[in-house]
N, C-alpha and C. Protein backbone atom coordinates (compact mmCIF):
# COMPACT_ATOMS: atom_id res chain seq x y z
N MET A 1 40.49 30.35 108.40
CA MET A 1 39.67 30.27 107.20
C MET A 1 38.39 29.53 107.56
N ASN A 2 37.25 30.07 107.13
CA ASN A 2 36.00 29.39 107.45
C ASN A 2 35.83 28.14 106.58
N ASP A 3 34.94 27.26 107.03
CA ASP A 3 34.77 25.97 106.36
C ASP A 3 34.33 26.11 104.91
N LYS A 4 33.41 27.04 104.64
CA LYS A 4 32.92 27.22 103.28
C LYS A 4 34.03 27.71 102.36
N LEU A 5 34.79 28.70 102.82
CA LEU A 5 35.89 29.23 102.01
C LEU A 5 36.94 28.15 101.77
N GLU A 6 37.23 27.37 102.79
CA GLU A 6 38.21 26.29 102.62
C GLU A 6 37.73 25.28 101.59
N ALA A 7 36.45 24.89 101.66
CA ALA A 7 35.90 23.92 100.71
C ALA A 7 35.93 24.47 99.29
N GLU A 8 35.54 25.73 99.13
CA GLU A 8 35.53 26.34 97.80
C GLU A 8 36.95 26.50 97.26
N SER A 9 37.88 26.86 98.13
CA SER A 9 39.28 26.98 97.72
C SER A 9 39.83 25.62 97.31
N TRP A 10 39.50 24.61 98.08
CA TRP A 10 39.94 23.25 97.78
C TRP A 10 39.40 22.82 96.41
N ASN A 11 38.14 23.09 96.15
CA ASN A 11 37.55 22.72 94.86
C ASN A 11 38.26 23.42 93.71
N LEU A 12 38.60 24.68 93.90
CA LEU A 12 39.31 25.41 92.85
C LEU A 12 40.70 24.85 92.63
N VAL A 13 41.41 24.56 93.70
CA VAL A 13 42.75 23.96 93.58
C VAL A 13 42.66 22.61 92.87
N CYS A 14 41.67 21.81 93.23
CA CYS A 14 41.50 20.51 92.56
C CYS A 14 41.22 20.69 91.07
N PHE A 15 40.37 21.65 90.73
CA PHE A 15 40.09 21.92 89.32
C PHE A 15 41.37 22.27 88.58
N ILE A 16 42.19 23.11 89.18
CA ILE A 16 43.45 23.53 88.55
C ILE A 16 44.38 22.33 88.36
N LEU A 17 44.52 21.52 89.39
CA LEU A 17 45.44 20.38 89.31
C LEU A 17 44.96 19.32 88.32
N ILE A 18 43.68 19.03 88.33
CA ILE A 18 43.14 18.05 87.38
C ILE A 18 43.24 18.59 85.96
N SER A 19 43.00 19.87 85.80
CA SER A 19 43.15 20.49 84.48
C SER A 19 44.58 20.35 83.99
N ALA A 20 45.53 20.59 84.86
CA ALA A 20 46.94 20.46 84.48
C ALA A 20 47.25 19.04 84.04
N ALA A 21 46.75 18.06 84.78
CA ALA A 21 46.99 16.66 84.42
C ALA A 21 46.34 16.30 83.09
N ASN A 22 45.17 16.83 82.83
CA ASN A 22 44.44 16.50 81.61
C ASN A 22 44.97 17.20 80.37
N LEU A 23 45.72 18.28 80.56
CA LEU A 23 46.20 19.04 79.40
C LEU A 23 47.09 18.22 78.47
N GLU A 24 47.75 17.22 79.01
CA GLU A 24 48.63 16.40 78.17
C GLU A 24 47.85 15.64 77.10
N GLN A 25 46.62 15.24 77.42
CA GLN A 25 45.84 14.44 76.48
C GLN A 25 44.80 15.26 75.70
N GLU A 26 44.56 16.49 76.11
CA GLU A 26 43.50 17.28 75.49
C GLU A 26 44.03 18.10 74.32
N ARG A 27 43.09 18.56 73.50
CA ARG A 27 43.44 19.48 72.41
C ARG A 27 44.06 20.73 73.01
N LYS A 28 44.98 21.32 72.28
CA LYS A 28 45.70 22.50 72.79
C LYS A 28 44.78 23.67 73.12
N GLU A 29 43.64 23.76 72.45
CA GLU A 29 42.71 24.86 72.69
C GLU A 29 42.08 24.81 74.08
N TYR A 30 42.08 23.64 74.70
CA TYR A 30 41.45 23.52 76.02
C TYR A 30 42.27 24.18 77.12
N GLY A 31 43.57 24.36 76.90
CA GLY A 31 44.40 25.01 77.91
C GLY A 31 43.91 26.42 78.23
N PRO A 32 43.77 27.28 77.22
CA PRO A 32 43.26 28.62 77.49
C PRO A 32 41.84 28.59 78.06
N LEU A 33 41.01 27.67 77.58
CA LEU A 33 39.65 27.57 78.11
C LEU A 33 39.68 27.24 79.60
N ARG A 34 40.52 26.33 80.00
CA ARG A 34 40.61 25.96 81.42
C ARG A 34 41.13 27.13 82.26
N LEU A 35 42.08 27.88 81.74
CA LEU A 35 42.57 29.04 82.48
C LEU A 35 41.49 30.11 82.62
N LEU A 36 40.72 30.32 81.57
CA LEU A 36 39.60 31.27 81.66
C LEU A 36 38.57 30.80 82.68
N GLU A 37 38.27 29.52 82.68
CA GLU A 37 37.32 28.97 83.65
C GLU A 37 37.85 29.15 85.07
N THR A 38 39.14 28.95 85.26
CA THR A 38 39.75 29.14 86.57
C THR A 38 39.60 30.59 87.02
N ALA A 39 39.87 31.54 86.13
CA ALA A 39 39.73 32.96 86.47
C ALA A 39 38.29 33.27 86.86
N SER A 40 37.33 32.76 86.11
CA SER A 40 35.92 33.00 86.41
C SER A 40 35.54 32.42 87.77
N ARG A 41 36.00 31.21 88.03
CA ARG A 41 35.69 30.58 89.32
C ARG A 41 36.33 31.34 90.48
N LEU A 42 37.53 31.86 90.28
CA LEU A 42 38.19 32.63 91.32
C LEU A 42 37.40 33.90 91.63
N VAL A 43 36.92 34.58 90.61
CA VAL A 43 36.10 35.78 90.83
C VAL A 43 34.85 35.42 91.61
N ASN A 44 34.22 34.29 91.27
CA ASN A 44 33.05 33.84 92.04
C ASN A 44 33.40 33.60 93.50
N LEU A 45 34.52 32.93 93.73
CA LEU A 45 34.96 32.63 95.09
C LEU A 45 35.17 33.91 95.88
N LEU A 46 35.83 34.87 95.28
CA LEU A 46 36.06 36.15 95.95
C LEU A 46 34.74 36.85 96.25
N ARG A 47 33.85 36.90 95.27
CA ARG A 47 32.57 37.57 95.45
C ARG A 47 31.75 36.92 96.57
N GLU A 48 31.70 35.60 96.56
CA GLU A 48 30.94 34.87 97.57
C GLU A 48 31.48 35.07 98.98
N ASN A 49 32.71 35.55 99.06
CA ASN A 49 33.32 35.78 100.36
C ASN A 49 33.52 37.27 100.66
N GLY A 50 32.68 38.07 100.02
CA GLY A 50 32.62 39.48 100.35
C GLY A 50 33.66 40.38 99.71
N MET A 51 34.41 39.85 98.76
CA MET A 51 35.44 40.65 98.09
C MET A 51 34.95 40.99 96.70
N THR A 52 34.34 42.16 96.56
CA THR A 52 33.78 42.54 95.27
C THR A 52 34.67 43.57 94.59
N SER A 53 34.57 43.56 93.26
CA SER A 53 35.36 44.47 92.46
C SER A 53 34.67 44.67 91.12
N LYS A 54 34.45 45.91 90.75
CA LYS A 54 33.82 46.19 89.46
C LYS A 54 34.67 45.67 88.30
N ARG A 55 35.98 45.82 88.40
CA ARG A 55 36.81 45.37 87.28
C ARG A 55 36.84 43.85 87.18
N LEU A 56 36.85 43.15 88.33
CA LEU A 56 36.78 41.68 88.26
C LEU A 56 35.44 41.23 87.71
N ASP A 57 34.37 41.88 88.13
CA ASP A 57 33.04 41.54 87.60
C ASP A 57 32.98 41.75 86.10
N ALA A 58 33.56 42.85 85.63
CA ALA A 58 33.54 43.15 84.20
C ALA A 58 34.32 42.10 83.41
N ILE A 59 35.48 41.74 83.91
CA ILE A 59 36.30 40.73 83.24
C ILE A 59 35.59 39.38 83.25
N GLN A 60 34.99 39.02 84.37
CA GLN A 60 34.29 37.74 84.45
C GLN A 60 33.12 37.70 83.46
N THR A 61 32.39 38.79 83.36
CA THR A 61 31.27 38.84 82.42
C THR A 61 31.77 38.60 80.99
N GLU A 62 32.87 39.24 80.65
CA GLU A 62 33.43 39.07 79.32
C GLU A 62 33.94 37.64 79.10
N ILE A 63 34.61 37.10 80.10
CA ILE A 63 35.10 35.72 80.00
C ILE A 63 33.94 34.76 79.79
N ASP A 64 32.92 34.87 80.64
CA ASP A 64 31.81 33.93 80.57
C ASP A 64 31.02 34.04 79.26
N ALA A 65 31.01 35.23 78.68
CA ALA A 65 30.30 35.42 77.42
C ALA A 65 31.06 34.86 76.22
N ASN A 66 32.38 34.70 76.35
CA ASN A 66 33.19 34.34 75.18
C ASN A 66 33.99 33.06 75.30
N LYS A 67 34.09 32.47 76.47
CA LYS A 67 35.02 31.35 76.66
C LYS A 67 34.70 30.13 75.80
N TYR A 68 33.44 29.89 75.52
CA TYR A 68 33.09 28.70 74.75
C TYR A 68 33.20 28.90 73.24
N SER A 69 33.58 30.09 72.81
CA SER A 69 33.78 30.30 71.38
C SER A 69 34.93 29.44 70.86
N VAL A 70 35.75 28.93 71.76
CA VAL A 70 36.83 28.02 71.35
C VAL A 70 36.26 26.78 70.66
N MET A 71 35.05 26.42 71.00
CA MET A 71 34.43 25.22 70.42
C MET A 71 33.88 25.47 69.01
N THR A 72 33.59 26.72 68.69
CA THR A 72 32.91 27.01 67.43
C THR A 72 33.70 27.88 66.46
N ASP A 73 34.57 28.73 66.99
CA ASP A 73 35.28 29.68 66.13
C ASP A 73 36.64 29.99 66.77
N GLU A 74 37.65 29.22 66.38
CA GLU A 74 38.97 29.37 66.99
C GLU A 74 39.58 30.74 66.70
N VAL A 75 39.30 31.30 65.55
CA VAL A 75 39.84 32.63 65.21
C VAL A 75 39.22 33.68 66.14
N ALA A 76 37.91 33.62 66.33
CA ALA A 76 37.23 34.57 67.23
C ALA A 76 37.73 34.38 68.66
N PHE A 77 37.94 33.14 69.06
CA PHE A 77 38.44 32.86 70.41
C PHE A 77 39.83 33.45 70.59
N SER A 78 40.68 33.26 69.62
CA SER A 78 42.04 33.81 69.69
C SER A 78 42.00 35.34 69.77
N GLN A 79 41.13 35.96 68.98
CA GLN A 79 41.00 37.41 69.02
C GLN A 79 40.47 37.87 70.37
N PHE A 80 39.51 37.13 70.92
CA PHE A 80 38.99 37.43 72.25
C PHE A 80 40.11 37.40 73.29
N LEU A 81 40.95 36.38 73.25
CA LEU A 81 42.06 36.29 74.21
C LEU A 81 43.00 37.48 74.08
N GLN A 82 43.33 37.84 72.86
CA GLN A 82 44.23 38.97 72.64
C GLN A 82 43.60 40.28 73.14
N ASN A 83 42.32 40.48 72.84
CA ASN A 83 41.63 41.69 73.30
C ASN A 83 41.53 41.73 74.82
N LEU A 84 41.28 40.59 75.43
CA LEU A 84 41.18 40.51 76.89
C LEU A 84 42.51 40.88 77.53
N ALA A 85 43.59 40.35 76.98
CA ALA A 85 44.92 40.68 77.51
C ALA A 85 45.19 42.18 77.40
N LEU A 86 44.81 42.78 76.30
CA LEU A 86 45.01 44.23 76.13
C LEU A 86 44.15 45.03 77.10
N GLU A 87 42.93 44.57 77.34
CA GLU A 87 42.03 45.26 78.26
C GLU A 87 42.56 45.27 79.69
N ILE A 88 43.09 44.13 80.13
CA ILE A 88 43.51 44.08 81.53
C ILE A 88 44.78 44.89 81.78
N VAL A 89 45.55 45.15 80.73
CA VAL A 89 46.73 46.00 80.90
C VAL A 89 46.32 47.36 81.46
N ASP A 90 45.16 47.84 81.04
CA ASP A 90 44.68 49.13 81.55
C ASP A 90 44.42 49.11 83.05
N TYR A 91 44.18 47.92 83.61
CA TYR A 91 43.89 47.80 85.04
C TYR A 91 45.17 47.67 85.89
N LEU A 92 46.28 47.40 85.24
CA LEU A 92 47.53 47.19 86.00
C LEU A 92 48.13 48.50 86.46
C-alpha cells in the first residue's frame, strides 16, 4: 500500500472509530449523518486512488447534497435515507 493511501485509509478508520465512540453522547440523528459522511469519504478515497465508478459518484453526489438536512428537516432527512436505500437496491 502506498503511503498516501495508507494515510487516507488511516484517517477514515479514525473517523469511523471516533464517530462510534461519540455516538453514545450525541443526538440519535448524528448516527446516520456520520455513516453518510463515511460513505462519501470512502468514495473520495477510492476516486483519489484511481477507482472510479459512475454509480458511486452518483450516490456520493446525492449524499453530499442531502446529508445536512438532518440539521434542518428531520422528516426530509428520513425520507432521503429511505429513498437512498431504495435507489441502491437497483445497483445490487
